[in-house]
Structures are given as C-alpha cells and as structure tokens.
Amino acid sequence: MRLVYDLQAMECLLTIPGGGQDREIQRMTIAEAIPVIEGERRRRRPKWKRYYHSHREKELARQRRYRAEHREQVREYNRQYYQARKRQKALANGQAVLVQEAAG
C-alpha cells in the first residue's frame, strides 16, 4: 500500500487510483508536497478569488499607511461617524416611544 495524493482528484489515497498508470507519479516528501497541494488549490479557485487574495495584502498595507499618515483626519472622520450613528439611534428610539404613546 502507498499513500498517494492525487492532484487531479485532490484527495489522499492509500493505493494507486485506477487509471493511475497514465498519470505522472512524482515522489516527494510531505514537506515538499504541502506547497504543491496549496498551489494546486489556489490555481483551481475562481479568477476573481485569486485576484482578491493576491491583492488583499497590498490593499491592507495601503490602508495602514494612509491611516498612519492621516491620523487626525481619520480620528475626525470616526468621531463624526459615531456621533451621527448615536443621533440616528436616538431618533429611532424616540420614534419608537412616540409610536407606543400614540398606540396606547
């Protein structure tokens, strides 16, 4: 018996799969196989997902850099944003009280 990772079926098998004679068999250690398997999984993702994952780190780095360079603007934006949220919640709660009073 052999432990085989079938790249076409994307599964580990204890024996050579049927029709395995026409497939290329490559011997490698588990440490070598893990990056190959991960690369194969990545390659099989939809194109938009591959793009998203490859550019996500760049975008996060850009956001961190911007926030570090514009601390005051970000702080002011967040302050205004949360104040607006509080005002909207207060209005919504006030309306709920008015509706209950009108119904009662």
PDB file of N, CA and C in Angstrom:
ATOM      1  N   MET A   1       0.836  -1.187   0.000  1.00  0.00           N
ATOM      2  CA  MET A   1       0.000   0.000   0.000  1.00  0.00           C
ATOM      3  C   MET A   1       0.873   1.239   0.000  1.00  0.00           C
ATOM      4  N   ARG A   2       0.370   2.256  -0.654  1.00  0.00           N
ATOM      5  CA  ARG A   2       1.075   3.526  -0.726  1.00  0.00           C
ATOM      6  C   ARG A   2       0.117   4.649  -0.390  1.00  0.00           C
ATOM      7  N   LEU A   3       0.643   5.701   0.210  1.00  0.00           N
ATOM      8  CA  LEU A   3      -0.132   6.912   0.417  1.00  0.00           C
ATOM      9  C   LEU A   3       0.159   7.810  -0.775  1.00  0.00           C
ATOM     10  N   VAL A   4      -0.876   8.131  -1.524  1.00  0.00           N
ATOM     11  CA  VAL A   4      -0.724   8.911  -2.743  1.00  0.00           C
ATOM     12  C   VAL A   4      -1.664  10.100  -2.672  1.00  0.00           C
ATOM     13  N   TYR A   5      -1.169  11.272  -3.036  1.00  0.00           N
ATOM     14  CA  TYR A   5      -2.048  12.442  -3.170  1.00  0.00           C
ATOM     15  C   TYR A   5      -2.303  12.632  -4.652  1.00  0.00           C
ATOM     16  N   ASP A   6      -3.541  12.437  -5.050  1.00  0.00           N
ATOM     17  CA  ASP A   6      -3.933  12.544  -6.455  1.00  0.00           C
ATOM     18  C   ASP A   6      -4.269  14.004  -6.740  1.00  0.00           C
ATOM     19  N   LEU A   7      -3.435  14.688  -7.540  1.00  0.00           N
ATOM     20  CA  LEU A   7      -3.651  16.103  -7.829  1.00  0.00           C
ATOM     21  C   LEU A   7      -4.884  16.339  -8.686  1.00  0.00           C
ATOM     22  N   GLN A   8      -5.279  15.377  -9.496  1.00  0.00           N
ATOM     23  CA  GLN A   8      -6.475  15.559 -10.302  1.00  0.00           C
ATOM     24  C   GLN A   8      -7.731  15.421  -9.458  1.00  0.00           C
ATOM     25  N   ALA A   9      -7.754  14.427  -8.586  1.00  0.00           N
ATOM     26  CA  ALA A   9      -8.926  14.208  -7.736  1.00  0.00           C
ATOM     27  C   ALA A   9      -8.860  15.052  -6.467  1.00  0.00           C
ATOM     28  N   MET A  10      -7.691  15.626  -6.149  1.00  0.00           N
ATOM     29  CA  MET A  10      -7.469  16.429  -4.953  1.00  0.00           C
ATOM     30  C   MET A  10      -7.798  15.647  -3.687  1.00  0.00           C
ATOM     31  N   GLU A  11      -7.261  14.426  -3.576  1.00  0.00           N
ATOM     32  CA  GLU A  11      -7.512  13.617  -2.392  1.00  0.00           C
ATOM     33  C   GLU A  11      -6.346  12.689  -2.126  1.00  0.00           C
ATOM     34  N   CYS A  12      -6.220  12.299  -0.855  1.00  0.00           N
ATOM     35  CA  CYS A  12      -5.194  11.334  -0.462  1.00  0.00           C
ATOM     36  C   CYS A  12      -5.758   9.934  -0.623  1.00  0.00           C
ATOM     37  N   LEU A  13      -4.975   9.046  -1.184  1.00  0.00           N
ATOM     38  CA  LEU A  13      -5.403   7.666  -1.392  1.00  0.00           C
ATOM     39  C   LEU A  13      -4.348   6.734  -0.832  1.00  0.00           C
ATOM     40  N   LEU A  14      -4.811   5.598  -0.325  1.00  0.00           N
ATOM     41  CA  LEU A  14      -3.874   4.621   0.212  1.00  0.00           C
ATOM     42  C   LEU A  14      -3.326   3.701  -0.866  1.00  0.00           C
ATOM     43  N   THR A  15      -3.986   3.642  -2.004  1.00  0.00           N
ATOM     44  CA  THR A  15      -3.487   2.828  -3.106  1.00  0.00           C
ATOM     45  C   THR A  15      -3.423   3.700  -4.347  1.00  0.00           C
ATOM     46  N   ILE A  16      -2.744   3.218  -5.361  1.00  0.00           N
ATOM     47  CA  ILE A  16      -2.688   3.954  -6.624  1.00  0.00           C
ATOM     48  C   ILE A  16      -4.079   3.884  -7.249  1.00  0.00           C
ATOM     49  N   PRO A  17      -4.664   5.036  -7.633  1.00  0.00           N
ATOM     50  CA  PRO A  17      -6.020   5.024  -8.176  1.00  0.00           C
ATOM     51  C   PRO A  17      -6.085   4.318  -9.529  1.00  0.00           C
ATOM     52  N   GLY A  18      -7.286   3.834  -9.868  1.00  0.00           N
ATOM     53  CA  GLY A  18      -7.474   3.180 -11.161  1.00  0.00           C
ATOM     54  C   GLY A  18      -7.140   4.131 -12.289  1.00  0.00           C
ATOM     55  N   GLY A  19      -6.444   3.635 -13.280  1.00  0.00           N
ATOM     56  CA  GLY A  19      -6.027   4.503 -14.381  1.00  0.00           C
ATOM     57  C   GLY A  19      -4.834   5.360 -13.992  1.00  0.00           C
ATOM     58  N   GLY A  20      -4.198   5.041 -12.897  1.00  0.00           N
ATOM     59  CA  GLY A  20      -3.067   5.826 -12.428  1.00  0.00           C
ATOM     60  C   GLY A  20      -1.812   5.613 -13.244  1.00  0.00           C
ATOM     61  N   GLN A  21      -1.804   4.600 -14.099  1.00  0.00           N
ATOM     62  CA  GLN A  21      -0.605   4.321 -14.872  1.00  0.00           C
ATOM     63  C   GLN A  21      -0.324   5.417 -15.890  1.00  0.00           C
ATOM     64  N   ASP A  22      -1.368   6.064 -16.415  1.00  0.00           N
ATOM     65  CA  ASP A  22      -1.136   7.095 -17.420  1.00  0.00           C
ATOM     66  C   ASP A  22      -0.844   8.460 -16.791  1.00  0.00           C
ATOM     67  N   ARG A  23      -0.994   8.562 -15.470  1.00  0.00           N
ATOM     68  CA  ARG A  23      -0.678   9.815 -14.799  1.00  0.00           C
ATOM     69  C   ARG A  23       0.775   9.800 -14.359  1.00  0.00           C
ATOM     70  N   GLU A  24       1.356  10.984 -14.333  1.00  0.00           N
ATOM     71  CA  GLU A  24       2.741  11.096 -13.891  1.00  0.00           C
ATOM     72  C   GLU A  24       2.790  10.951 -12.374  1.00  0.00           C
ATOM     73  N   ILE A  25       3.647  10.091 -11.882  1.00  0.00           N
ATOM     74  CA  ILE A  25       3.816   9.907 -10.448  1.00  0.00           C
ATOM     75  C   ILE A  25       5.116  10.574 -10.053  1.00  0.00           C
ATOM     76  N   GLN A  26       5.001  11.496  -9.116  1.00  0.00           N
ATOM     77  CA  GLN A  26       6.171  12.238  -8.679  1.00  0.00           C
ATOM     78  C   GLN A  26       6.386  11.932  -7.198  1.00  0.00           C
ATOM     79  N   ARG A  27       7.571  11.505  -6.845  1.00  0.00           N
ATOM     80  CA  ARG A  27       7.870  11.169  -5.452  1.00  0.00           C
ATOM     81  C   ARG A  27       8.445  12.411  -4.770  1.00  0.00           C
ATOM     82  N   MET A  28       7.904  12.687  -3.579  1.00  0.00           N
ATOM     83  CA  MET A  28       8.389  13.828  -2.812  1.00  0.00           C
ATOM     84  C   MET A  28       8.047  13.625  -1.346  1.00  0.00           C
ATOM     85  N   THR A  29       8.695  14.404  -0.510  1.00  0.00           N
ATOM     86  CA  THR A  29       8.400  14.325   0.915  1.00  0.00           C
ATOM     87  C   THR A  29       7.125  15.113   1.195  1.00  0.00           C
ATOM     88  N   ILE A  30       6.580  14.914   2.388  1.00  0.00           N
ATOM     89  CA  ILE A  30       5.364  15.653   2.758  1.00  0.00           C
ATOM     90  C   ILE A  30       5.655  17.148   2.796  1.00  0.00           C
ATOM     91  N   ALA A  31       6.841  17.519   3.276  1.00  0.00           N
ATOM     92  CA  ALA A  31       7.211  18.938   3.331  1.00  0.00           C
ATOM     93  C   ALA A  31       7.244  19.554   1.933  1.00  0.00           C
ATOM     94  N   GLU A  32       7.639  18.793   0.945  1.00  0.00           N
ATOM     95  CA  GLU A  32       7.638  19.294  -0.437  1.00  0.00           C
ATOM     96  C   GLU A  32       6.232  19.270  -1.023  1.00  0.00           C
ATOM     97  N   ALA A  33       5.412  18.309  -0.593  1.00  0.00           N
ATOM     98  CA  ALA A  33       4.086  18.143  -1.183  1.00  0.00           C
ATOM     99  C   ALA A  33       3.102  19.215  -0.735  1.00  0.00           C
ATOM    100  N   ILE A  34       3.218  19.695   0.498  1.00  0.00           N
ATOM    101  CA  ILE A  34       2.242  20.668   1.018  1.00  0.00           C
ATOM    102  C   ILE A  34       2.189  21.939   0.170  1.00  0.00           C
ATOM    103  N   PRO A  35       3.324  22.582  -0.171  1.00  0.00           N
ATOM    104  CA  PRO A  35       3.228  23.770  -1.037  1.00  0.00           C
ATOM    105  C   PRO A  35       2.651  23.454  -2.424  1.00  0.00           C
ATOM    106  N   VAL A  36       2.952  22.277  -2.939  1.00  0.00           N
ATOM    107  CA  VAL A  36       2.413  21.887  -4.251  1.00  0.00           C
ATOM    108  C   VAL A  36       0.890  21.766  -4.164  1.00  0.00           C
ATOM    109  N   ILE A  37       0.420  21.144  -3.100  1.00  0.00           N
ATOM    110  CA  ILE A  37      -1.026  20.970  -2.921  1.00  0.00           C
ATOM    111  C   ILE A  37      -1.702  22.327  -2.747  1.00  0.00           C
ATOM    112  N   GLU A  38      -1.110  23.207  -1.941  1.00  0.00           N
ATOM    113  CA  GLU A  38      -1.684  24.542  -1.740  1.00  0.00           C
ATOM    114  C   GLU A  38      -1.707  25.324  -3.060  1.00  0.00           C
ATOM    115  N   GLY A  39      -0.646  25.225  -3.834  1.00  0.00           N
ATOM    116  CA  GLY A  39      -0.607  25.906  -5.134  1.00  0.00           C
ATOM    117  C   GLY A  39      -1.688  25.381  -6.068  1.00  0.00           C
ATOM    118  N   GLU A  40      -1.909  24.092  -6.013  1.00  0.00           N
ATOM    119  CA  GLU A  40      -2.944  23.477  -6.852  1.00  0.00           C
ATOM    120  C   GLU A  40      -4.332  23.947  -6.428  1.00  0.00           C
ATOM    121  N   ARG A  41      -4.550  24.032  -5.127  1.00  0.00           N
ATOM    122  CA  ARG A  41      -5.844  24.539  -4.636  1.00  0.00           C
ATOM    123  C   ARG A  41      -6.050  25.981  -5.056  1.00  0.00           C
ATOM    124  N   ARG A  42      -4.980  26.795  -4.919  1.00  0.00           N
ATOM    125  CA  ARG A  42      -5.077  28.203  -5.300  1.00  0.00           C
ATOM    126  C   ARG A  42      -5.381  28.343  -6.787  1.00  0.00           C
ATOM    127  N   ARG A  43      -4.739  27.507  -7.596  1.00  0.00           N
ATOM    128  CA  ARG A  43      -4.912  27.583  -9.047  1.00  0.00           C
ATOM    129  C   ARG A  43      -6.333  27.246  -9.455  1.00  0.00           C
ATOM    130  N   ARG A  44      -6.996  26.392  -8.679  1.00  0.00           N
ATOM    131  CA  ARG A  44      -8.343  25.959  -9.036  1.00  0.00           C
ATOM    132  C   ARG A  44      -9.428  26.913  -8.547  1.00  0.00           C
ATOM    133  N   ARG A  45      -9.060  27.982  -7.823  1.00  0.00           N
ATOM    134  CA  ARG A  45     -10.040  28.963  -7.364  1.00  0.00           C
ATOM    135  C   ARG A  45     -10.552  29.755  -8.561  1.00  0.00           C
ATOM    136  N   PRO A  46     -11.725  30.348  -8.427  1.00  0.00           N
ATOM    137  CA  PRO A  46     -12.201  31.239  -9.496  1.00  0.00           C
ATOM    138  C   PRO A  46     -11.243  32.425  -9.668  1.00  0.00           C
ATOM    139  N   LYS A  47     -11.251  32.992 -10.839  1.00  0.00           N
ATOM    140  CA  LYS A  47     -10.295  34.053 -11.166  1.00  0.00           C
ATOM    141  C   LYS A  47     -10.434  35.246 -10.215  1.00  0.00           C
ATOM    142  N   TRP A  48     -11.671  35.639  -9.901  1.00  0.00           N
ATOM    143  CA  TRP A  48     -11.876  36.794  -9.028  1.00  0.00           C
ATOM    144  C   TRP A  48     -11.301  36.532  -7.641  1.00  0.00           C
ATOM    145  N   LYS A  49     -11.396  35.284  -7.155  1.00  0.00           N
ATOM    146  CA  LYS A  49     -10.900  34.961  -5.818  1.00  0.00           C
ATOM    147  C   LYS A  49      -9.368  34.955  -5.793  1.00  0.00           C
ATOM    148  N   ARG A  50      -8.762  34.476  -6.881  1.00  0.00           N
ATOM    149  CA  ARG A  50      -7.298  34.518  -6.968  1.00  0.00           C
ATOM    150  C   ARG A  50      -6.820  35.967  -6.948  1.00  0.00           C
ATOM    151  N   TYR A  51      -7.495  36.830  -7.711  1.00  0.00           N
ATOM    152  CA  TYR A  51      -7.144  38.250  -7.752  1.00  0.00           C
ATOM    153  C   TYR A  51      -7.297  38.861  -6.371  1.00  0.00           C
ATOM    154  N   TYR A  52      -8.416  38.580  -5.714  1.00  0.00           N
ATOM    155  CA  TYR A  52      -8.698  39.133  -4.388  1.00  0.00           C
ATOM    156  C   TYR A  52      -7.603  38.752  -3.395  1.00  0.00           C
ATOM    157  N   HIS A  53      -7.251  37.480  -3.351  1.00  0.00           N
ATOM    158  CA  HIS A  53      -6.251  37.034  -2.389  1.00  0.00           C
ATOM    159  C   HIS A  53      -4.864  37.578  -2.706  1.00  0.00           C
ATOM    160  N   SER A  54      -4.530  37.711  -3.967  1.00  0.00           N
ATOM    161  CA  SER A  54      -3.193  38.207  -4.307  1.00  0.00           C
ATOM    162  C   SER A  54      -3.062  39.703  -4.040  1.00  0.00           C
ATOM    163  N   HIS A  55      -4.168  40.455  -4.095  1.00  0.00           N
ATOM    164  CA  HIS A  55      -4.100  41.898  -3.912  1.00  0.00           C
ATOM    165  C   HIS A  55      -4.538  42.355  -2.527  1.00  0.00           C
ATOM    166  N   ARG A  56      -5.037  41.438  -1.720  1.00  0.00           N
ATOM    167  CA  ARG A  56      -5.555  41.804  -0.398  1.00  0.00           C
ATOM    168  C   ARG A  56      -4.467  42.393   0.496  1.00  0.00           C
ATOM    169  N   GLU A  57      -3.307  41.770   0.531  1.00  0.00           N
ATOM    170  CA  GLU A  57      -2.224  42.263   1.383  1.00  0.00           C
ATOM    171  C   GLU A  57      -1.761  43.652   0.958  1.00  0.00           C
ATOM    172  N   LYS A  58      -1.692  43.887  -0.353  1.00  0.00           N
ATOM    173  CA  LYS A  58      -1.307  45.216  -0.836  1.00  0.00           C
ATOM    174  C   LYS A  58      -2.320  46.263  -0.385  1.00  0.00           C
ATOM    175  N   GLU A  59      -3.588  45.929  -0.495  1.00  0.00           N
ATOM    176  CA  GLU A  59      -4.644  46.867  -0.105  1.00  0.00           C
ATOM    177  C   GLU A  59      -4.609  47.145   1.392  1.00  0.00           C
ATOM    178  N   LEU A  60      -4.409  46.114   2.204  1.00  0.00           N
ATOM    179  CA  LEU A  60      -4.324  46.311   3.656  1.00  0.00           C
ATOM    180  C   LEU A  60      -3.112  47.165   4.025  1.00  0.00           C
ATOM    181  N   ALA A  61      -1.995  46.945   3.342  1.00  0.00           N
ATOM    182  CA  ALA A  61      -0.800  47.760   3.593  1.00  0.00           C
ATOM    183  C   ALA A  61      -1.050  49.211   3.205  1.00  0.00           C
ATOM    184  N   ARG A  62      -1.751  49.431   2.096  1.00  0.00           N
ATOM    185  CA  ARG A  62      -2.071  50.793   1.663  1.00  0.00           C
ATOM    186  C   ARG A  62      -2.951  51.481   2.694  1.00  0.00           C
ATOM    187  N   GLN A  63      -3.957  50.772   3.215  1.00  0.00           N
ATOM    188  CA  GLN A  63      -4.844  51.355   4.223  1.00  0.00           C
ATOM    189  C   GLN A  63      -4.086  51.694   5.499  1.00  0.00           C
ATOM    190  N   ARG A  64      -3.210  50.792   5.946  1.00  0.00           N
ATOM    191  CA  ARG A  64      -2.426  51.062   7.164  1.00  0.00           C
ATOM    192  C   ARG A  64      -1.529  52.279   6.973  1.00  0.00           C
ATOM    193  N   ARG A  65      -0.903  52.371   5.804  1.00  0.00           N
ATOM    194  CA  ARG A  65      -0.023  53.501   5.515  1.00  0.00           C
ATOM    195  C   ARG A  65      -0.821  54.813   5.518  1.00  0.00           C
ATOM    196  N   TYR A  66      -1.991  54.812   4.879  1.00  0.00           N
ATOM    197  CA  TYR A  66      -2.827  56.019   4.835  1.00  0.00           C
ATOM    198  C   TYR A  66      -3.250  56.434   6.237  1.00  0.00           C
ATOM    199  N   ARG A  67      -3.680  55.460   7.039  1.00  0.00           N
ATOM    200  CA  ARG A  67      -4.142  55.779   8.396  1.00  0.00           C
ATOM    201  C   ARG A  67      -3.011  56.301   9.270  1.00  0.00           C
ATOM    202  N   ALA A  68      -1.798  55.800   9.066  1.00  0.00           N
ATOM    203  CA  ALA A  68      -0.655  56.282   9.832  1.00  0.00           C
ATOM    204  C   ALA A  68      -0.292  57.709   9.425  1.00  0.00           C
ATOM    205  N   GLU A  69      -0.417  58.024   8.142  1.00  0.00           N
ATOM    206  CA  GLU A  69      -0.050  59.353   7.654  1.00  0.00           C
ATOM    207  C   GLU A  69      -1.133  60.388   7.911  1.00  0.00           C
ATOM    208  N   HIS A  70      -2.377  59.986   8.063  1.00  0.00           N
ATOM    209  CA  HIS A  70      -3.504  60.922   8.217  1.00  0.00           C
ATOM    210  C   HIS A  70      -4.290  60.627   9.493  1.00  0.00           C
ATOM    211  N   ARG A  71      -3.566  60.517  10.601  1.00  0.00           N
ATOM    212  CA  ARG A  71      -4.214  60.149  11.868  1.00  0.00           C
ATOM    213  C   ARG A  71      -5.330  61.114  12.263  1.00  0.00           C
ATOM    214  N   GLU A  72      -5.075  62.403  12.146  1.00  0.00           N
ATOM    215  CA  GLU A  72      -6.076  63.391  12.578  1.00  0.00           C
ATOM    216  C   GLU A  72      -7.340  63.337  11.724  1.00  0.00           C
ATOM    217  N   GLN A  73      -7.185  63.208  10.411  1.00  0.00           N
ATOM    218  CA  GLN A  73      -8.355  63.146   9.540  1.00  0.00           C
ATOM    219  C   GLN A  73      -9.177  61.887   9.835  1.00  0.00           C
ATOM    220  N   VAL A  74      -8.498  60.768  10.042  1.00  0.00           N
ATOM    221  CA  VAL A  74      -9.201  59.516  10.346  1.00  0.00           C
ATOM    222  C   VAL A  74      -9.915  59.630  11.684  1.00  0.00           C
ATOM    223  N   ARG A  75      -9.245  60.225  12.682  1.00  0.00           N
ATOM    224  CA  ARG A  75      -9.863  60.407  14.005  1.00  0.00           C
ATOM    225  C   ARG A  75     -11.113  61.282  13.901  1.00  0.00           C
ATOM    226  N   GLU A  76     -11.015  62.377  13.143  1.00  0.00           N
ATOM    227  CA  GLU A  76     -12.166  63.278  12.982  1.00  0.00           C
ATOM    228  C   GLU A  76     -13.309  62.589  12.235  1.00  0.00           C
ATOM    229  N   TYR A  77     -12.967  61.832  11.192  1.00  0.00           N
ATOM    230  CA  TYR A  77     -13.989  61.094  10.448  1.00  0.00           C
ATOM    231  C   TYR A  77     -14.710  60.108  11.363  1.00  0.00           C
ATOM    232  N   ASN A  78     -13.938  59.353  12.151  1.00  0.00           N
ATOM    233  CA  ASN A  78     -14.552  58.374  13.053  1.00  0.00           C
ATOM    234  C   ASN A  78     -15.427  59.053  14.094  1.00  0.00           C
ATOM    235  N   ARG A  79     -14.968  60.200  14.624  1.00  0.00           N
ATOM    236  CA  ARG A  79     -15.757  60.920  15.621  1.00  0.00           C
ATOM    237  C   ARG A  79     -17.099  61.352  15.034  1.00  0.00           C
ATOM    238  N   GLN A  80     -17.057  61.925  13.840  1.00  0.00           N
ATOM    239  CA  GLN A  80     -18.298  62.367  13.197  1.00  0.00           C
ATOM    240  C   GLN A  80     -19.206  61.187  12.859  1.00  0.00           C
ATOM    241  N   TYR A  81     -18.605  60.097  12.407  1.00  0.00           N
ATOM    242  CA  TYR A  81     -19.375  58.915  12.038  1.00  0.00           C
ATOM    243  C   TYR A  81     -20.129  58.364  13.246  1.00  0.00           C
ATOM    244  N   TYR A  82     -19.426  58.211  14.375  1.00  0.00           N
ATOM    245  CA  TYR A  82     -20.071  57.636  15.552  1.00  0.00           C
ATOM    246  C   TYR A  82     -21.073  58.581  16.175  1.00  0.00           C
ATOM    247  N   GLN A  83     -20.843  59.891  16.083  1.00  0.00           N
ATOM    248  CA  GLN A  83     -21.846  60.846  16.570  1.00  0.00           C
ATOM    249  C   GLN A  83     -23.115  60.768  15.729  1.00  0.00           C
ATOM    250  N   ALA A  84     -22.952  60.643  14.412  1.00  0.00           N
ATOM    251  CA  ALA A  84     -24.123  60.520  13.533  1.00  0.00           C
ATOM    252  C   ALA A  84     -24.895  59.241  13.850  1.00  0.00           C
ATOM    253  N   ARG A  85     -24.175  58.152  14.120  1.00  0.00           N
ATOM    254  CA  ARG A  85     -24.842  56.893  14.488  1.00  0.00           C
ATOM    255  C   ARG A  85     -25.634  57.056  15.782  1.00  0.00           C
ATOM    256  N   LYS A  86     -25.032  57.732  16.767  1.00  0.00           N
ATOM    257  CA  LYS A  86     -25.726  57.950  18.037  1.00  0.00           C
ATOM    258  C   LYS A  86     -26.989  58.775  17.824  1.00  0.00           C
ATOM    259  N   ARG A  87     -26.877  59.827  16.993  1.00  0.00           N
ATOM    260  CA  ARG A  87     -28.049  60.670  16.727  1.00  0.00           C
ATOM    261  C   ARG A  87     -29.162  59.857  16.056  1.00  0.00           C
ATOM    262  N   GLN A  88     -28.792  59.013  15.090  1.00  0.00           N
ATOM    263  CA  GLN A  88     -29.804  58.202  14.406  1.00  0.00           C
ATOM    264  C   GLN A  88     -30.455  57.221  15.360  1.00  0.00           C
ATOM    265  N   LYS A  89     -29.666  56.612  16.259  1.00  0.00           N
ATOM    266  CA  LYS A  89     -30.234  55.687  17.239  1.00  0.00           C
ATOM    267  C   LYS A  89     -31.189  56.416  18.168  1.00  0.00           C
ATOM    268  N   ALA A  90     -30.780  57.621  18.600  1.00  0.00           N
ATOM    269  CA  ALA A  90     -31.636  58.397  19.495  1.00  0.00           C
ATOM    270  C   ALA A  90     -32.939  58.750  18.795  1.00  0.00           C
ATOM    271  N   LEU A  91     -32.858  59.132  17.536  1.00  0.00           N
ATOM    272  CA  LEU A  91     -34.072  59.445  16.776  1.00  0.00           C
ATOM    273  C   LEU A  91     -34.955  58.215  16.637  1.00  0.00           C
ATOM    274  N   ALA A  92     -34.362  57.084  16.324  1.00  0.00           N
ATOM    275  CA  ALA A  92     -35.130  55.851  16.154  1.00  0.00           C
ATOM    276  C   ALA A  92     -35.789  55.443  17.472  1.00  0.00           C
ATOM    277  N   ASN A  93     -35.071  55.567  18.585  1.00  0.00           N
ATOM    278  CA  ASN A  93     -35.652  55.235  19.883  1.00  0.00           C
ATOM    279  C   ASN A  93     -36.768  56.206  20.232  1.00  0.00           C
ATOM    280  N   GLY A  94     -36.567  57.488  19.939  1.00  0.00           N
ATOM    281  CA  GLY A  94     -37.606  58.499  20.189  1.00  0.00           C
ATOM    282  C   GLY A  94     -38.861  58.227  19.380  1.00  0.00           C
ATOM    283  N   GLN A  95     -38.699  57.799  18.132  1.00  0.00           N
ATOM    284  CA  GLN A  95     -39.847  57.482  17.294  1.00  0.00           C
ATOM    285  C   GLN A  95     -40.590  56.274  17.832  1.00  0.00           C
ATOM    286  N   ALA A  96     -39.855  55.296  18.342  1.00  0.00           N
ATOM    287  CA  ALA A  96     -40.495  54.102  18.894  1.00  0.00           C
ATOM    288  C   ALA A  96     -41.334  54.466  20.105  1.00  0.00           C
ATOM    289  N   VAL A  97     -40.829  55.403  20.930  1.00  0.00           N
ATOM    290  CA  VAL A  97     -41.591  55.848  22.103  1.00  0.00           C
ATOM    291  C   VAL A  97     -42.843  56.577  21.650  1.00  0.00           C
ATOM    292  N   LEU A  98     -42.716  57.427  20.625  1.00  0.00           N
ATOM    293  CA  LEU A  98     -43.879  58.156  20.116  1.00  0.00           C
ATOM    294  C   LEU A  98     -44.941  57.204  19.582  1.00  0.00           C
ATOM    295  N   VAL A  99     -44.521  56.164  18.870  1.00  0.00           N
ATOM    296  CA  VAL A  99     -45.457  55.183  18.317  1.00  0.00           C
ATOM    297  C   VAL A  99     -46.169  54.463  19.445  1.00  0.00           C
ATOM    298  N   GLN A 100     -45.443  54.091  20.493  1.00  0.00           N
ATOM    299  CA  GLN A 100     -46.065  53.393  21.632  1.00  0.00           C
ATOM    300  C   GLN A 100     -47.053  54.302  22.332  1.00  0.00           C
ATOM    301  N   GLU A 101     -46.731  55.591  22.477  1.00  0.00           N
ATOM    302  CA  GLU A 101     -47.627  56.534  23.132  1.00  0.00           C
ATOM    303  C   GLU A 101     -48.894  56.739  22.289  1.00  0.00           C
ATOM    304  N   ALA A 102     -48.713  56.808  20.955  1.00  0.00           N
ATOM    305  CA  ALA A 102     -49.844  57.008  20.072  1.00  0.00           C
ATOM    306  C   ALA A 102     -50.750  55.769  20.078  1.00  0.00           C
ATOM    307  N   ALA A 103     -50.148  54.581  20.174  1.00  0.00           N
ATOM    308  CA  ALA A 103     -50.936  53.358  20.173  1.00  0.00           C
ATOM    309  C   ALA A 103     -51.631  53.156  21.514  1.00  0.00           C
ATOM    310  N   GLY A 104     -51.061  53.676  22.597  1.00  0.00           N
ATOM    311  CA  GLY A 104     -51.578  53.421  23.944  1.00  0.00           C
ATOM    312  C   GLY A 104     -52.648  54.303  24.367  1.00  0.00           C
TER     313      GLY A 104
END
